[in-house]
Amino acid sequence: MSKSFILKKSYFLLVSFFVFSGYAQTVRKYSNEFLNIGVDAAAFGMANAVTASTEDVNSVYWNPAGLVNIEDNQFAAMHANYFANIATYNYVAGAMPLDEQSAIGLSIIRFGVDDIMNTTQLIDSQGNIDYDRISLFSAADYAFALTYARKTGIEGLSLGANAKVIRRIIGEFADAWGFGFDVGLQYHKGNWRFGVMARDVTTTYNTWAINESEFETISGAIDGQNQERPETTEITLPKLQMGVARNFDLSQDFGLTTAVNLDFRFARTNDIISSENMSATPAVGFEVNYTKMVFLRGGVGNFQDVEQLGGGTAVGFQPNFGVGFRYNGIQIDYAFTDIGDQSVGLYSNIFSLKLDWSVFR
């Protein structure tokens, strides 16, 4: 094991703590960002423009109001690798109708980096390097969400809400608990679909606990860094997503769904629409289906003002492409995202599975 390799792993450990220190302030522009990645390859293929059209078990993430459209128990799962397979992202969800008017769902998300080398004890008290003193740890974020959706007395209008618990762990160094709510609504009128999703409506609070003895092992590793304890309260600001979709019958066998989203953050970001207190970015997607068995999807989203090396800015965006296949209640979807590397790519190939429990009856 080379010295440069050890130094790189030590640097990764310290960076993990710096990120935590920077994020764990009272109010942050970017907080609990792993919950903004998304779920379901079908949605990724449409550039996530599904706030108005989602109507299956994955509505627990995209818009809980859409959950009222399921007719039987459903299960969904997704796995993805990020950052050249350094990080893994896993998602599972289940949902069931309670009656003709309501449904419930449960979902779990994990985003983590495993087997990180802890080299804080690499050098013993005599100044000797001892590789046996290296240990491994994980930095992982978890979200558990309970979803309830119900049709209202207004035809075509449904409401839904998520109660979510956040668990974040950085090895033995620090851990946090958080709690928050999402609410959504959908309105269907003929072939038109309208949707609104408000995430973290009451703001979501994460409360961190720092292992003081472990923190002391790195507090003086780099001069001027990690000298003070980070704040232990992290607040996630609300976000708003608004969407509209329309279904078209192209022929007896072919159908088309087109969708547009406008996603808002209540802070200044690099989104192409940005002010001091609010930013927004659009997303456009489509899905063509053949007898609702074979699906072809595409979309463009994540429009950002990207700084150029020579000065000035240019508009960056993220194209997406996807396909899917459904047979007897089993659906497999694939999405190819970040085509052309218009922005820093978090992922490129996504697969997901959805099961309608009727297949087992």
Protein backbone atom coordinates (compact mmCIF):
# COMPACT_ATOMS: atom_id res chain seq x y z
CA MET A 1 0.00 0.00 0.00
CA SER A 2 1.71 3.20 -1.19
CA LYS A 3 2.09 6.36 0.84
CA SER A 4 0.27 8.40 -1.85
CA PHE A 5 -2.69 6.00 -1.64
CA ILE A 6 -2.87 6.45 2.13
CA LEU A 7 -2.70 10.22 1.77
CA LYS A 8 -5.54 10.20 -0.76
CA LYS A 9 -7.72 8.17 1.58
CA SER A 10 -6.85 10.48 4.48
CA TYR A 11 -7.78 13.45 2.35
CA PHE A 12 -11.12 11.84 1.50
CA LEU A 13 -11.86 11.39 5.20
CA LEU A 14 -11.05 15.01 5.98
CA VAL A 15 -13.09 16.26 3.04
CA SER A 16 -16.05 14.26 4.33
CA PHE A 17 -15.82 16.17 7.58
CA PHE A 18 -15.41 19.53 5.84
CA VAL A 19 -18.57 18.86 3.80
CA PHE A 20 -20.44 18.01 6.97
CA SER A 21 -19.14 21.14 8.66
CA GLY A 22 -20.21 23.31 5.74
CA TYR A 23 -23.65 21.75 5.43
CA ALA A 24 -24.54 21.65 9.12
CA GLN A 25 -25.23 25.34 9.46
CA THR A 26 -28.57 26.74 10.56
CA VAL A 27 -30.01 27.33 7.07
CA ARG A 28 -28.34 25.98 3.94
CA LYS A 29 -29.09 26.49 0.27
CA TYR A 30 -28.34 22.83 -0.37
CA SER A 31 -29.36 20.40 2.36
CA ASN A 32 -30.41 16.74 2.26
CA GLU A 33 -29.54 16.85 -1.43
CA PHE A 34 -29.66 13.07 -1.73
CA LEU A 35 -33.46 13.45 -1.59
CA ASN A 36 -33.39 15.54 -4.78
CA ILE A 37 -31.78 12.84 -6.95
CA GLY A 38 -35.07 11.16 -7.76
CA VAL A 39 -36.32 7.60 -8.23
CA ASP A 40 -37.60 5.41 -11.08
CA ALA A 41 -35.86 5.13 -14.47
CA ALA A 42 -39.15 5.97 -16.20
CA ALA A 43 -39.17 9.40 -14.55
CA PHE A 44 -35.47 9.97 -15.28
CA GLY A 45 -36.12 9.24 -18.95
CA MET A 46 -38.64 12.10 -18.99
CA ALA A 47 -36.21 14.51 -17.27
CA ASN A 48 -38.22 14.17 -14.04
CA ALA A 49 -41.14 16.12 -15.54
CA VAL A 50 -43.68 13.81 -13.89
CA THR A 51 -45.25 15.90 -11.11
CA ALA A 52 -48.59 15.91 -12.93
CA SER A 53 -48.50 12.47 -14.56
CA THR A 54 -47.14 10.13 -11.86
CA GLU A 55 -49.79 7.58 -10.91
CA ASP A 56 -48.13 4.46 -9.53
CA VAL A 57 -46.13 3.36 -6.48
CA ASN A 58 -43.35 5.83 -7.35
CA SER A 59 -45.78 8.64 -6.59
CA VAL A 60 -44.58 8.29 -3.00
CA TYR A 61 -41.57 10.31 -4.18
CA TRP A 62 -42.75 12.41 -7.14
CA ASN A 63 -46.19 13.46 -5.93
CA PRO A 64 -48.02 11.55 -3.17
CA ALA A 65 -51.41 12.65 -4.55
CA GLY A 66 -50.87 10.35 -7.56
CA LEU A 67 -50.95 7.28 -5.32
CA VAL A 68 -54.78 7.17 -5.43
CA ASN A 69 -54.55 5.84 -9.02
CA ILE A 70 -53.14 2.43 -8.07
CA GLU A 71 -55.64 -0.42 -8.29
CA ASP A 72 -53.64 -3.13 -6.53
CA ASN A 73 -50.58 -3.49 -4.30
CA GLN A 74 -47.39 -2.36 -6.04
CA PHE A 75 -43.67 -2.66 -5.34
CA ALA A 76 -40.76 -0.71 -6.86
CA ALA A 77 -36.97 -0.86 -6.58
CA MET A 78 -33.99 0.96 -8.08
CA HIS A 79 -30.21 0.74 -7.80
CA ALA A 80 -27.63 3.14 -9.21
CA ASN A 81 -23.92 3.85 -8.85
CA TYR A 82 -22.49 7.37 -8.64
CA PHE A 83 -19.08 9.00 -8.91
CA ALA A 84 -17.41 6.18 -10.82
CA ASN A 85 -19.03 3.57 -8.56
CA ILE A 86 -17.74 5.17 -5.36
CA ALA A 87 -21.27 5.87 -4.08
CA THR A 88 -24.40 3.70 -4.29
CA TYR A 89 -28.03 4.76 -4.38
CA ASN A 90 -30.80 2.32 -3.46
CA TYR A 91 -34.56 2.78 -3.29
CA VAL A 92 -37.45 0.47 -2.47
CA ALA A 93 -41.13 1.32 -2.08
CA GLY A 94 -44.45 -0.38 -1.61
CA ALA A 95 -48.01 0.91 -1.84
CA MET A 96 -51.55 -0.40 -1.51
CA PRO A 97 -55.04 0.99 -1.93
CA LEU A 98 -57.06 1.24 1.28
CA ASP A 99 -60.37 1.62 -0.54
CA GLU A 100 -61.65 3.31 -3.70
CA GLN A 101 -60.82 6.72 -2.26
CA SER A 102 -57.43 6.37 -0.56
CA ALA A 103 -54.04 4.64 -0.59
CA ILE A 104 -50.91 4.39 1.53
CA GLY A 105 -47.26 3.80 0.75
CA LEU A 106 -43.88 3.28 2.39
CA SER A 107 -40.47 4.04 0.86
CA ILE A 108 -36.82 3.81 1.86
CA ILE A 109 -33.85 5.57 0.22
CA ARG A 110 -30.17 5.02 0.98
CA PHE A 111 -27.32 7.03 -0.52
CA GLY A 112 -23.90 6.08 0.77
CA VAL A 113 -20.17 5.70 0.36
CA ASP A 114 -18.90 2.50 1.98
CA ASP A 115 -15.47 1.17 2.94
CA ILE A 116 -13.89 4.58 3.46
CA MET A 117 -10.44 4.23 5.05
CA ASN A 118 -10.08 5.84 8.45
CA THR A 119 -6.39 6.67 8.65
CA THR A 120 -6.57 9.00 11.65
CA GLN A 121 -4.78 6.35 13.74
CA LEU A 122 -2.31 5.30 11.03
CA ILE A 123 0.67 6.75 12.89
CA ASP A 124 1.22 5.40 16.41
CA SER A 125 2.49 7.31 19.43
CA GLN A 126 6.10 6.55 18.41
CA GLY A 127 5.65 8.13 14.98
CA ASN A 128 5.61 4.80 13.15
CA ILE A 129 3.19 3.95 10.32
CA ASP A 130 1.10 0.91 11.29
CA TYR A 131 -1.28 -0.26 8.57
CA ASP A 132 -3.09 -2.48 11.06
CA ARG A 133 -4.44 0.70 12.64
CA ILE A 134 -6.49 1.47 9.51
CA SER A 135 -10.23 0.86 9.86
CA LEU A 136 -13.17 1.24 7.49
CA PHE A 137 -16.36 3.25 7.85
CA SER A 138 -19.39 4.35 5.83
CA ALA A 139 -20.95 7.75 5.21
CA ALA A 140 -24.61 7.11 4.48
CA ASP A 141 -27.88 9.02 4.24
CA TYR A 142 -31.26 7.35 4.77
CA ALA A 143 -34.83 8.52 4.26
CA PHE A 144 -37.94 6.69 5.43
CA ALA A 145 -41.27 8.05 4.19
CA LEU A 146 -44.86 7.13 5.02
CA THR A 147 -47.33 8.32 2.38
CA TYR A 148 -51.09 8.83 2.47
CA ALA A 149 -53.23 9.95 -0.47
CA ARG A 150 -56.96 10.53 -0.83
CA LYS A 151 -59.45 11.63 -3.45
CA THR A 152 -61.43 14.75 -2.54
CA GLY A 153 -65.08 15.56 -3.07
CA ILE A 154 -64.08 17.41 -6.24
CA GLU A 155 -64.00 15.09 -9.22
CA GLY A 156 -60.47 14.59 -10.50
CA LEU A 157 -58.77 16.25 -7.50
CA SER A 158 -56.61 14.24 -5.10
CA LEU A 159 -54.33 15.20 -2.21
CA GLY A 160 -51.37 13.43 -0.65
CA ALA A 161 -48.70 13.87 2.00
CA ASN A 162 -45.40 12.32 3.10
CA ALA A 163 -44.12 12.14 6.66
CA LYS A 164 -40.40 11.42 6.39
CA VAL A 165 -37.63 10.59 8.81
CA ILE A 166 -34.02 11.36 7.86
CA ARG A 167 -31.05 9.44 9.23
CA ARG A 168 -27.50 10.49 8.33
CA ILE A 169 -24.36 8.76 9.58
CA ILE A 170 -20.65 9.55 9.12
CA GLY A 171 -18.99 6.48 10.63
CA GLU A 172 -18.32 6.92 14.33
CA PHE A 173 -17.70 10.64 13.84
CA ALA A 174 -21.22 12.08 13.66
CA ASP A 175 -24.85 11.18 13.07
CA ALA A 176 -28.12 13.05 12.64
CA TRP A 177 -31.88 12.61 12.83
CA GLY A 178 -34.34 14.72 10.87
CA PHE A 179 -38.06 14.98 10.27
CA GLY A 180 -40.19 16.74 7.66
CA PHE A 181 -43.32 16.75 5.51
CA ASP A 182 -44.14 16.90 1.79
CA VAL A 183 -47.60 17.64 0.38
CA GLY A 184 -48.92 17.32 -3.15
CA LEU A 185 -52.06 17.59 -5.24
CA GLN A 186 -53.15 16.42 -8.65
CA TYR A 187 -56.10 17.39 -10.79
CA HIS A 188 -57.26 15.35 -13.79
CA LYS A 189 -59.59 16.80 -16.41
CA GLY A 190 -60.11 14.67 -19.49
CA ASN A 191 -56.69 14.07 -21.03
CA TRP A 192 -55.10 16.89 -19.01
CA ARG A 193 -53.12 16.39 -15.82
CA PHE A 194 -52.03 19.11 -13.38
CA GLY A 195 -49.82 18.65 -10.34
CA VAL A 196 -48.16 20.56 -7.51
CA MET A 197 -45.59 19.10 -5.12
CA ALA A 198 -44.28 21.05 -2.11
CA ARG A 199 -41.26 19.43 -0.48
CA ASP A 200 -40.21 20.15 3.12
CA VAL A 201 -43.23 22.42 3.54
CA THR A 202 -42.52 23.10 7.22
CA THR A 203 -38.76 23.03 6.56
CA THR A 204 -36.99 19.80 7.50
CA TYR A 205 -34.74 19.83 10.55
CA ASN A 206 -31.66 17.66 10.97
CA THR A 207 -30.08 17.55 14.43
CA TRP A 208 -26.49 16.34 14.50
CA ALA A 209 -24.61 14.63 17.33
CA ILE A 210 -20.81 14.78 17.13
CA ASN A 211 -18.55 12.19 18.71
CA GLU A 212 -16.21 14.49 20.60
CA SER A 213 -13.38 11.99 21.00
CA GLU A 214 -13.40 11.12 17.29
CA PHE A 215 -13.58 14.77 16.31
CA GLU A 216 -10.45 15.48 18.35
CA THR A 217 -8.50 13.01 16.20
CA ILE A 218 -8.87 15.22 13.12
CA SER A 219 -9.46 18.68 14.56
CA GLY A 220 -5.82 19.64 14.16
CA ALA A 221 -4.94 17.59 11.09
CA ILE A 222 -4.84 20.66 8.82
CA ASP A 223 -4.09 24.14 10.13
CA GLY A 224 -7.14 26.37 10.02
CA GLN A 225 -9.55 23.51 9.25
CA ASN A 226 -11.95 21.73 11.62
CA GLN A 227 -10.74 23.83 14.54
CA GLU A 228 -14.25 24.57 15.79
CA ARG A 229 -17.27 22.34 16.30
CA PRO A 230 -19.80 22.73 13.47
CA GLU A 231 -23.31 23.80 14.29
CA THR A 232 -25.57 20.88 15.07
CA THR A 233 -28.82 22.07 13.48
CA GLU A 234 -29.38 21.88 9.72
CA ILE A 235 -32.54 23.27 8.11
CA THR A 236 -33.77 22.23 4.66
CA LEU A 237 -35.70 25.00 2.92
CA PRO A 238 -38.99 24.23 1.11
CA LYS A 239 -39.08 23.53 -2.63
CA LEU A 240 -42.00 23.73 -5.03
CA GLN A 241 -42.60 21.71 -8.20
CA MET A 242 -45.44 22.50 -10.60
CA GLY A 243 -46.33 20.40 -13.63
CA VAL A 244 -48.81 19.91 -16.43
CA ALA A 245 -49.18 16.87 -18.72
CA ARG A 246 -51.48 15.76 -21.52
CA ASN A 247 -52.28 12.35 -22.96
CA PHE A 248 -52.85 11.83 -26.69
CA ASP A 249 -54.28 8.80 -28.49
CA LEU A 250 -52.18 8.63 -31.63
CA SER A 251 -53.88 5.49 -32.91
CA GLN A 252 -55.55 2.38 -31.57
CA ASP A 253 -52.18 1.02 -30.40
CA PHE A 254 -50.03 4.10 -29.82
CA GLY A 255 -50.35 6.74 -27.10
CA LEU A 256 -48.32 9.82 -26.20
CA THR A 257 -47.84 11.71 -22.95
CA THR A 258 -46.17 15.11 -22.94
CA ALA A 259 -45.21 16.89 -19.73
CA VAL A 260 -43.70 20.17 -18.52
CA ASN A 261 -42.37 20.93 -15.04
CA LEU A 262 -41.18 24.13 -13.38
CA ASP A 263 -39.15 23.50 -10.22
CA PHE A 264 -38.60 26.27 -7.68
CA ARG A 265 -36.06 26.76 -4.90
CA PHE A 266 -36.44 29.63 -2.46
CA ALA A 267 -32.80 30.73 -2.72
CA ARG A 268 -30.42 32.03 -5.38
CA THR A 269 -28.86 29.20 -7.39
CA ASN A 270 -27.42 28.68 -10.88
CA ASP A 271 -30.87 27.93 -12.33
CA ILE A 272 -31.57 29.89 -15.51
CA ILE A 273 -34.38 31.76 -13.71
CA SER A 274 -32.84 33.24 -10.59
CA SER A 275 -33.34 36.14 -8.19
CA GLU A 276 -32.15 36.91 -4.71
CA ASN A 277 -34.93 34.91 -3.02
CA MET A 278 -36.07 32.39 -5.64
CA SER A 279 -34.75 30.27 -8.49
CA ALA A 280 -36.48 28.05 -11.03
CA THR A 281 -35.62 25.64 -13.80
CA PRO A 282 -37.93 24.00 -16.37
CA ALA A 283 -38.05 20.39 -17.53
CA VAL A 284 -39.80 18.94 -20.57
CA GLY A 285 -40.47 15.25 -21.21
CA PHE A 286 -42.49 12.83 -23.33
CA GLU A 287 -43.44 9.17 -23.35
CA VAL A 288 -44.66 7.17 -26.34
CA ASN A 289 -46.27 3.81 -25.58
CA TYR A 290 -47.28 0.88 -27.74
CA THR A 291 -50.33 -0.88 -26.27
CA LYS A 292 -49.02 0.29 -22.88
CA MET A 293 -46.48 -2.50 -23.13
CA VAL A 294 -43.43 -0.88 -24.76
CA PHE A 295 -42.33 2.66 -23.86
CA LEU A 296 -39.97 5.19 -25.42
CA ARG A 297 -39.11 8.30 -23.40
CA GLY A 298 -37.10 11.48 -23.73
CA GLY A 299 -36.68 14.80 -21.99
CA VAL A 300 -34.51 17.81 -21.22
CA GLY A 301 -34.07 19.44 -17.83
CA ASN A 302 -31.64 20.87 -15.27
CA PHE A 303 -31.09 24.14 -17.14
CA GLN A 304 -28.23 25.96 -15.43
CA ASP A 305 -26.05 29.02 -15.99
CA VAL A 306 -22.59 27.45 -16.28
CA GLU A 307 -19.43 29.56 -15.92
CA GLN A 308 -17.00 29.18 -18.83
CA LEU A 309 -13.24 28.89 -18.48
CA GLY A 310 -12.70 31.93 -20.70
CA GLY A 311 -15.19 34.03 -18.74
CA GLY A 312 -18.91 34.56 -19.05
CA THR A 313 -21.66 31.97 -18.74
CA ALA A 314 -23.51 29.58 -21.00
CA VAL A 315 -26.71 27.63 -20.53
CA GLY A 316 -26.09 24.01 -19.55
CA PHE A 317 -28.78 21.37 -19.67
CA GLN A 318 -29.27 17.64 -19.22
CA PRO A 319 -30.87 15.55 -21.98
CA ASN A 320 -32.36 12.18 -21.05
CA PHE A 321 -33.47 9.08 -22.90
CA GLY A 322 -35.29 5.99 -21.70
CA VAL A 323 -37.13 2.82 -22.64
CA GLY A 324 -39.41 0.46 -20.77
CA PHE A 325 -41.23 -2.83 -21.06
CA ARG A 326 -44.31 -4.06 -19.18
CA TYR A 327 -45.81 -7.53 -19.23
CA ASN A 328 -48.31 -9.15 -16.88
CA GLY A 329 -47.75 -6.65 -14.09
CA ILE A 330 -43.95 -6.65 -14.31
CA GLN A 331 -42.30 -3.49 -15.63
CA ILE A 332 -38.58 -2.90 -16.23
CA ASP A 333 -37.35 0.59 -17.14
CA TYR A 334 -34.01 1.96 -18.25
CA ALA A 335 -32.79 5.55 -18.49
CA PHE A 336 -29.65 6.97 -20.04
CA THR A 337 -29.02 10.38 -18.49
CA ASP A 338 -26.53 13.22 -18.69
CA ILE A 339 -26.07 12.70 -22.43
CA GLY A 340 -23.28 14.88 -23.82
CA ASP A 341 -21.98 15.76 -20.35
CA GLN A 342 -23.68 19.16 -20.36
CA SER A 343 -23.14 19.33 -16.62
CA VAL A 344 -21.20 17.34 -14.07
CA GLY A 345 -22.62 13.83 -14.43
CA LEU A 346 -23.87 12.11 -11.32
CA TYR A 347 -25.04 9.03 -13.15
CA SER A 348 -25.61 7.75 -16.67
CA ASN A 349 -27.32 4.33 -16.64
CA ILE A 350 -30.36 3.73 -14.44
CA PHE A 351 -32.48 0.57 -14.15
CA SER A 352 -35.63 0.17 -12.09
CA LEU A 353 -38.27 -2.48 -11.48
CA LYS A 354 -41.97 -2.20 -10.73
CA LEU A 355 -44.31 -5.05 -9.79
CA ASP A 356 -48.10 -5.01 -9.72
CA TRP A 357 -49.07 -7.54 -7.07
CA SER A 358 -51.88 -8.85 -9.26
CA VAL A 359 -49.22 -10.88 -11.11
CA PHE A 360 -49.01 -13.17 -8.04
CA ARG A 361 -52.76 -13.60 -7.55
